[in-house]
PDB file of all heavy atoms in Angstrom:
ATOM      1  N   PHE A   1    -239.129-104.616-139.308  1.00  0.00           N
ATOM      2  CA  PHE A   1    -238.192-104.914-140.347  1.00  0.00           C
ATOM      3  C   PHE A   1    -237.083-103.852-140.452  1.00  0.00           C
ATOM      4  O   PHE A   1    -236.913-103.276-141.499  1.00  0.00           O
ATOM      5  CB  PHE A   1    -238.919-104.998-141.728  1.00  0.00           C
ATOM      6  CG  PHE A   1    -240.120-105.939-141.680  1.00  0.00           C
ATOM      7  CD1 PHE A   1    -241.437-105.387-141.791  1.00  0.00           C
ATOM      8  CD2 PHE A   1    -239.995-107.328-141.531  1.00  0.00           C
ATOM      9  CE1 PHE A   1    -242.521-106.186-141.756  1.00  0.00           C
ATOM     10  CE2 PHE A   1    -241.108-108.074-141.538  1.00  0.00           C
ATOM     11  CZ  PHE A   1    -242.386-107.585-141.582  1.00  0.00           C
ATOM     12  N   PRO A   2    -236.322-103.651-139.436  1.00  0.00           N
ATOM     13  CA  PRO A   2    -235.354-102.604-139.423  1.00  0.00           C
ATOM     14  C   PRO A   2    -234.213-102.775-140.359  1.00  0.00           C
ATOM     15  O   PRO A   2    -233.515-101.789-140.781  1.00  0.00           O
ATOM     16  CB  PRO A   2    -234.845-102.574-137.942  1.00  0.00           C
ATOM     17  CG  PRO A   2    -235.034-103.904-137.392  1.00  0.00           C
ATOM     18  CD  PRO A   2    -236.306-104.367-138.102  1.00  0.00           C
ATOM     19  N   ASN A   3    -233.937-104.017-140.810  1.00  0.00           N
ATOM     20  CA  ASN A   3    -232.812-104.235-141.637  1.00  0.00           C
ATOM     21  C   ASN A   3    -233.190-104.621-143.100  1.00  0.00           C
ATOM     22  O   ASN A   3    -232.343-104.952-143.985  1.00  0.00           O
ATOM     23  CB  ASN A   3    -231.935-105.425-141.033  1.00  0.00           C
ATOM     24  CG  ASN A   3    -231.195-104.913-139.850  1.00  0.00           C
ATOM     25  OD1 ASN A   3    -230.459-103.989-139.899  1.00  0.00           O
ATOM     26  ND2 ASN A   3    -231.362-105.634-138.732  1.00  0.00           N
ATOM     27  N   VAL A   4    -234.465-104.638-143.405  1.00  0.00           N
ATOM     28  CA  VAL A   4    -234.999-104.950-144.772  1.00  0.00           C
ATOM     29  C   VAL A   4    -234.542-103.900-145.797  1.00  0.00           C
ATOM     30  O   VAL A   4    -234.728-102.699-145.596  1.00  0.00           O
ATOM     31  CB  VAL A   4    -236.474-105.156-144.823  1.00  0.00           C
ATOM     32  CG1 VAL A   4    -236.951-105.245-146.176  1.00  0.00           C
ATOM     33  CG2 VAL A   4    -236.847-106.438-144.044  1.00  0.00           C
ATOM     34  N   LYS A   5    -233.976-104.409-146.826  1.00  0.00           N
ATOM     35  CA  LYS A   5    -233.498-103.467-147.923  1.00  0.00           C
ATOM     36  C   LYS A   5    -234.527-103.551-149.121  1.00  0.00           C
ATOM     37  O   LYS A   5    -234.663-102.538-149.813  1.00  0.00           O
ATOM     38  CB  LYS A   5    -232.165-103.892-148.432  1.00  0.00           C
ATOM     39  CG  LYS A   5    -231.057-103.887-147.360  1.00  0.00           C
ATOM     40  CD  LYS A   5    -230.847-102.505-146.814  1.00  0.00           C
ATOM     41  CE  LYS A   5    -229.650-102.555-145.809  1.00  0.00           C
ATOM     42  NZ  LYS A   5    -229.929-103.379-144.577  1.00  0.00           N
ATOM     43  N   CYS A   6    -235.055-104.735-149.381  1.00  0.00           N
ATOM     44  CA  CYS A   6    -235.944-104.948-150.557  1.00  0.00           C
ATOM     45  C   CYS A   6    -237.132-105.799-150.265  1.00  0.00           C
ATOM     46  O   CYS A   6    -237.032-106.690-149.383  1.00  0.00           O
ATOM     47  CB  CYS A   6    -235.153-105.624-151.686  1.00  0.00           C
ATOM     48  SG  CYS A   6    -233.641-104.736-152.220  1.00  0.00           S
ATOM     49  N   LEU A   7    -238.231-105.455-150.878  1.00  0.00           N
ATOM     50  CA  LEU A   7    -239.467-106.335-150.792  1.00  0.00           C
ATOM     51  C   LEU A   7    -239.868-106.750-152.184  1.00  0.00           C
ATOM     52  O   LEU A   7    -240.048-105.940-153.094  1.00  0.00           O
ATOM     53  CB  LEU A   7    -240.621-105.484-150.192  1.00  0.00           C
ATOM     54  CG  LEU A   7    -241.934-106.227-149.835  1.00  0.00           C
ATOM     55  CD1 LEU A   7    -242.802-105.416-148.822  1.00  0.00           C
ATOM     56  CD2 LEU A   7    -242.803-106.565-151.066  1.00  0.00           C
ATOM     57  N   PHE A   8    -239.960-108.078-152.425  1.00  0.00           N
ATOM     58  CA  PHE A   8    -240.278-108.653-153.746  1.00  0.00           C
ATOM     59  C   PHE A   8    -241.663-109.233-153.662  1.00  0.00           C
ATOM     60  O   PHE A   8    -241.891-110.176-152.952  1.00  0.00           O
ATOM     61  CB  PHE A   8    -239.271-109.753-154.111  1.00  0.00           C
ATOM     62  CG  PHE A   8    -237.811-109.147-154.093  1.00  0.00           C
ATOM     63  CD1 PHE A   8    -236.956-109.284-153.033  1.00  0.00           C
ATOM     64  CD2 PHE A   8    -237.343-108.621-155.283  1.00  0.00           C
ATOM     65  CE1 PHE A   8    -235.759-108.762-153.038  1.00  0.00           C
ATOM     66  CE2 PHE A   8    -236.044-108.103-155.287  1.00  0.00           C
ATOM     67  CZ  PHE A   8    -235.207-108.197-154.124  1.00  0.00           C
ATOM     68  N   TYR A   9    -242.584-108.610-154.347  1.00  0.00           N
ATOM     69  CA  TYR A   9    -244.010-109.089-154.398  1.00  0.00           C
ATOM     70  C   TYR A   9    -244.298-109.795-155.619  1.00  0.00           C
ATOM     71  O   TYR A   9    -244.433-109.259-156.743  1.00  0.00           O
ATOM     72  CB  TYR A   9    -244.819-107.796-154.324  1.00  0.00           C
ATOM     73  CG  TYR A   9    -246.296-107.976-154.187  1.00  0.00           C
ATOM     74  CD1 TYR A   9    -246.878-108.665-153.074  1.00  0.00           C
ATOM     75  CD2 TYR A   9    -247.233-107.531-155.126  1.00  0.00           C
ATOM     76  CE1 TYR A   9    -248.211-108.984-152.953  1.00  0.00           C
ATOM     77  CE2 TYR A   9    -248.589-107.766-155.048  1.00  0.00           C
ATOM     78  CZ  TYR A   9    -249.062-108.439-153.959  1.00  0.00           C
ATOM     79  OH  TYR A   9    -250.422-108.620-153.857  1.00  0.00           O
ATOM     80  N   ALA A  10    -244.521-111.159-155.487  1.00  0.00           N
ATOM     81  CA  ALA A  10    -244.757-112.008-156.639  1.00  0.00           C
ATOM     82  C   ALA A  10    -246.266-112.036-156.856  1.00  0.00           C
ATOM     83  O   ALA A  10    -246.984-113.034-156.701  1.00  0.00           O
ATOM     84  CB  ALA A  10    -244.289-113.416-156.331  1.00  0.00           C
ATOM     85  N   ALA A  11    -246.766-110.930-157.326  1.00  0.00           N
ATOM     86  CA  ALA A  11    -248.167-110.737-157.690  1.00  0.00           C
ATOM     87  C   ALA A  11    -248.164-109.341-158.513  1.00  0.00           C
ATOM     88  O   ALA A  11    -247.241-108.848-158.919  1.00  0.00           O
ATOM     89  CB  ALA A  11    -249.068-110.783-156.498  1.00  0.00           C
ATOM     90  N   GLY A  12    -249.426-108.809-158.573  1.00  0.00           N
ATOM     91  CA  GLY A  12    -249.591-107.576-159.374  1.00  0.00           C
ATOM     92  C   GLY A  12    -249.560-106.270-158.578  1.00  0.00           C
ATOM     93  O   GLY A  12    -248.493-105.817-158.244  1.00  0.00           O
ATOM     94  N   SER A  13    -250.733-105.713-158.391  1.00  0.00           N
ATOM     95  CA  SER A  13    -250.757-104.362-157.790  1.00  0.00           C
ATOM     96  C   SER A  13    -250.200-104.264-156.410  1.00  0.00           C
ATOM     97  O   SER A  13    -250.422-105.118-155.521  1.00  0.00           O
ATOM     98  CB  SER A  13    -252.228-103.925-157.666  1.00  0.00           C
ATOM     99  OG  SER A  13    -252.342-102.611-157.077  1.00  0.00           O
ATOM    100  N   VAL A  14    -249.388-103.227-156.161  1.00  0.00           N
ATOM    101  CA  VAL A  14    -248.803-102.974-154.883  1.00  0.00           C
ATOM    102  C   VAL A  14    -249.346-101.767-154.161  1.00  0.00           C
ATOM    103  O   VAL A  14    -248.871-101.247-153.114  1.00  0.00           O
ATOM    104  CB  VAL A  14    -247.239-102.790-155.003  1.00  0.00           C
ATOM    105  CG1 VAL A  14    -246.608-104.008-155.619  1.00  0.00           C
ATOM    106  CG2 VAL A  14    -246.923-101.576-155.891  1.00  0.00           C
ATOM    107  N   GLN A  15    -250.488-101.266-154.711  1.00  0.00           N
ATOM    108  CA  GLN A  15    -251.008 -99.964-154.179  1.00  0.00           C
ATOM    109  C   GLN A  15    -251.473-100.053-152.741  1.00  0.00           C
ATOM    110  O   GLN A  15    -251.361 -99.013-152.040  1.00  0.00           O
ATOM    111  CB  GLN A  15    -252.259 -99.654-155.025  1.00  0.00           C
ATOM    112  CG  GLN A  15    -251.991 -99.245-156.411  1.00  0.00           C
ATOM    113  CD  GLN A  15    -251.323 -97.807-156.531  1.00  0.00           C
ATOM    114  OE1 GLN A  15    -251.176 -97.085-155.485  1.00  0.00           O
ATOM    115  NE2 GLN A  15    -251.007 -97.408-157.733  1.00  0.00           N
ATOM    116  N   HIS A  16    -251.842-101.169-152.213  1.00  0.00           N
ATOM    117  CA  HIS A  16    -252.299-101.303-150.757  1.00  0.00           C
ATOM    118  C   HIS A  16    -251.187-101.311-149.783  1.00  0.00           C
ATOM    119  O   HIS A  16    -251.498-101.305-148.583  1.00  0.00           O
ATOM    120  CB  HIS A  16    -253.302-102.455-150.656  1.00  0.00           C
ATOM    121  CG  HIS A  16    -252.624-103.814-150.889  1.00  0.00           C
ATOM    122  ND1 HIS A  16    -252.196-104.263-152.150  1.00  0.00           N
ATOM    123  CD2 HIS A  16    -252.385-104.810-150.049  1.00  0.00           C
ATOM    124  CE1 HIS A  16    -251.624-105.454-152.000  1.00  0.00           C
ATOM    125  NE2 HIS A  16    -251.757-105.838-150.738  1.00  0.00           N
ATOM    126  N   PHE A  17    -249.941-101.467-150.191  1.00  0.00           N
ATOM    127  CA  PHE A  17    -248.885-101.554-149.133  1.00  0.00           C
ATOM    128  C   PHE A  17    -247.615-100.821-149.500  1.00  0.00           C
ATOM    129  O   PHE A  17    -246.814-100.559-148.623  1.00  0.00           O
ATOM    130  CB  PHE A  17    -248.551-103.042-148.862  1.00  0.00           C
ATOM    131  CG  PHE A  17    -247.951-103.694-149.991  1.00  0.00           C
ATOM    132  CD1 PHE A  17    -246.560-103.686-150.188  1.00  0.00           C
ATOM    133  CD2 PHE A  17    -248.650-104.445-150.880  1.00  0.00           C
ATOM    134  CE1 PHE A  17    -246.002-104.321-151.215  1.00  0.00           C
ATOM    135  CE2 PHE A  17    -248.092-105.187-151.953  1.00  0.00           C
ATOM    136  CZ  PHE A  17    -246.724-105.140-152.091  1.00  0.00           C
ATOM    137  N   ALA A  18    -247.362-100.542-150.786  1.00  0.00           N
ATOM    138  CA  ALA A  18    -246.022-100.088-151.202  1.00  0.00           C
ATOM    139  C   ALA A  18    -245.566 -98.749-150.706  1.00  0.00           C
ATOM    140  O   ALA A  18    -244.370 -98.596-150.355  1.00  0.00           O
ATOM    141  CB  ALA A  18    -245.953-100.078-152.703  1.00  0.00           C
ATOM    142  N   ALA A  19    -246.450 -97.813-150.657  1.00  0.00           N
ATOM    143  CA  ALA A  19    -246.042 -96.387-150.241  1.00  0.00           C
ATOM    144  C   ALA A  19    -245.362 -96.392-148.977  1.00  0.00           C
ATOM    145  O   ALA A  19    -244.301 -95.675-148.847  1.00  0.00           O
ATOM    146  CB  ALA A  19    -247.310 -95.475-150.200  1.00  0.00           C
ATOM    147  N   GLU A  20    -245.816 -97.067-147.892  1.00  0.00           N
ATOM    148  CA  GLU A  20    -245.171 -97.065-146.614  1.00  0.00           C
ATOM    149  C   GLU A  20    -243.727 -97.684-146.601  1.00  0.00           C
ATOM    150  O   GLU A  20    -242.814 -97.058-146.032  1.00  0.00           O
ATOM    151  CB  GLU A  20    -246.110 -97.769-145.577  1.00  0.00           C
ATOM    152  CG  GLU A  20    -247.310 -96.985-145.200  1.00  0.00           C
ATOM    153  CD  GLU A  20    -248.371 -97.068-146.258  1.00  0.00           C
ATOM    154  OE1 GLU A  20    -248.206 -97.865-147.230  1.00  0.00           O
ATOM    155  OE2 GLU A  20    -249.377 -96.317-146.100  1.00  0.00           O
ATOM    156  N   PHE A  21    -243.612 -98.758-147.318  1.00  0.00           N
ATOM    157  CA  PHE A  21    -242.291 -99.337-147.460  1.00  0.00           C
ATOM    158  C   PHE A  21    -241.277 -98.438-148.247  1.00  0.00           C
ATOM    159  O   PHE A  21    -240.196 -98.278-147.764  1.00  0.00           O
ATOM    160  CB  PHE A  21    -242.373-100.755-148.213  1.00  0.00           C
ATOM    161  CG  PHE A  21    -242.780-101.894-147.267  1.00  0.00           C
ATOM    162  CD1 PHE A  21    -244.141-102.209-147.186  1.00  0.00           C
ATOM    163  CD2 PHE A  21    -241.883-102.533-146.539  1.00  0.00           C
ATOM    164  CE1 PHE A  21    -244.578-103.221-146.342  1.00  0.00           C
ATOM    165  CE2 PHE A  21    -242.275-103.552-145.729  1.00  0.00           C
ATOM    166  CZ  PHE A  21    -243.584-103.893-145.603  1.00  0.00           C
ATOM    167  N   LEU A  22    -241.770 -97.833-149.319  1.00  0.00           N
ATOM    168  CA  LEU A  22    -240.918 -96.849-149.976  1.00  0.00           C
ATOM    169  C   LEU A  22    -240.547 -95.656-149.133  1.00  0.00           C
ATOM    170  O   LEU A  22    -239.449 -95.169-149.234  1.00  0.00           O
ATOM    171  CB  LEU A  22    -241.681 -96.412-151.309  1.00  0.00           C
ATOM    172  CG  LEU A  22    -241.818 -97.482-152.396  1.00  0.00           C
ATOM    173  CD1 LEU A  22    -242.802 -96.969-153.451  1.00  0.00           C
ATOM    174  CD2 LEU A  22    -240.534 -97.768-153.053  1.00  0.00           C
ATOM    175  N   SER A  23    -241.502 -95.199-148.286  1.00  0.00           N
ATOM    176  CA  SER A  23    -241.238 -94.072-147.455  1.00  0.00           C
ATOM    177  C   SER A  23    -240.181 -94.411-146.386  1.00  0.00           C
ATOM    178  O   SER A  23    -239.454 -93.564-145.875  1.00  0.00           O
ATOM    179  CB  SER A  23    -242.522 -93.645-146.716  1.00  0.00           C
ATOM    180  OG  SER A  23    -243.397 -93.139-147.625  1.00  0.00           O
ATOM    181  N   CYS A  24    -239.995 -95.718-146.099  1.00  0.00           N
ATOM    182  CA  CYS A  24    -239.024 -96.152-145.142  1.00  0.00           C
ATOM    183  C   CYS A  24    -237.699 -96.484-145.855  1.00  0.00           C
ATOM    184  O   CYS A  24    -236.786 -96.996-145.227  1.00  0.00           O
ATOM    185  CB  CYS A  24    -239.470 -97.436-144.442  1.00  0.00           C
ATOM    186  SG  CYS A  24    -240.894 -97.092-143.291  1.00  0.00           S
TER     187      CYS A  24
END
């Protein structure tokens, strides 16, 4: 996903995946 700017998660907890996307 080299061009992705935003990830929209239509659910609750993002703990299992968010840190890596934020780091990118």
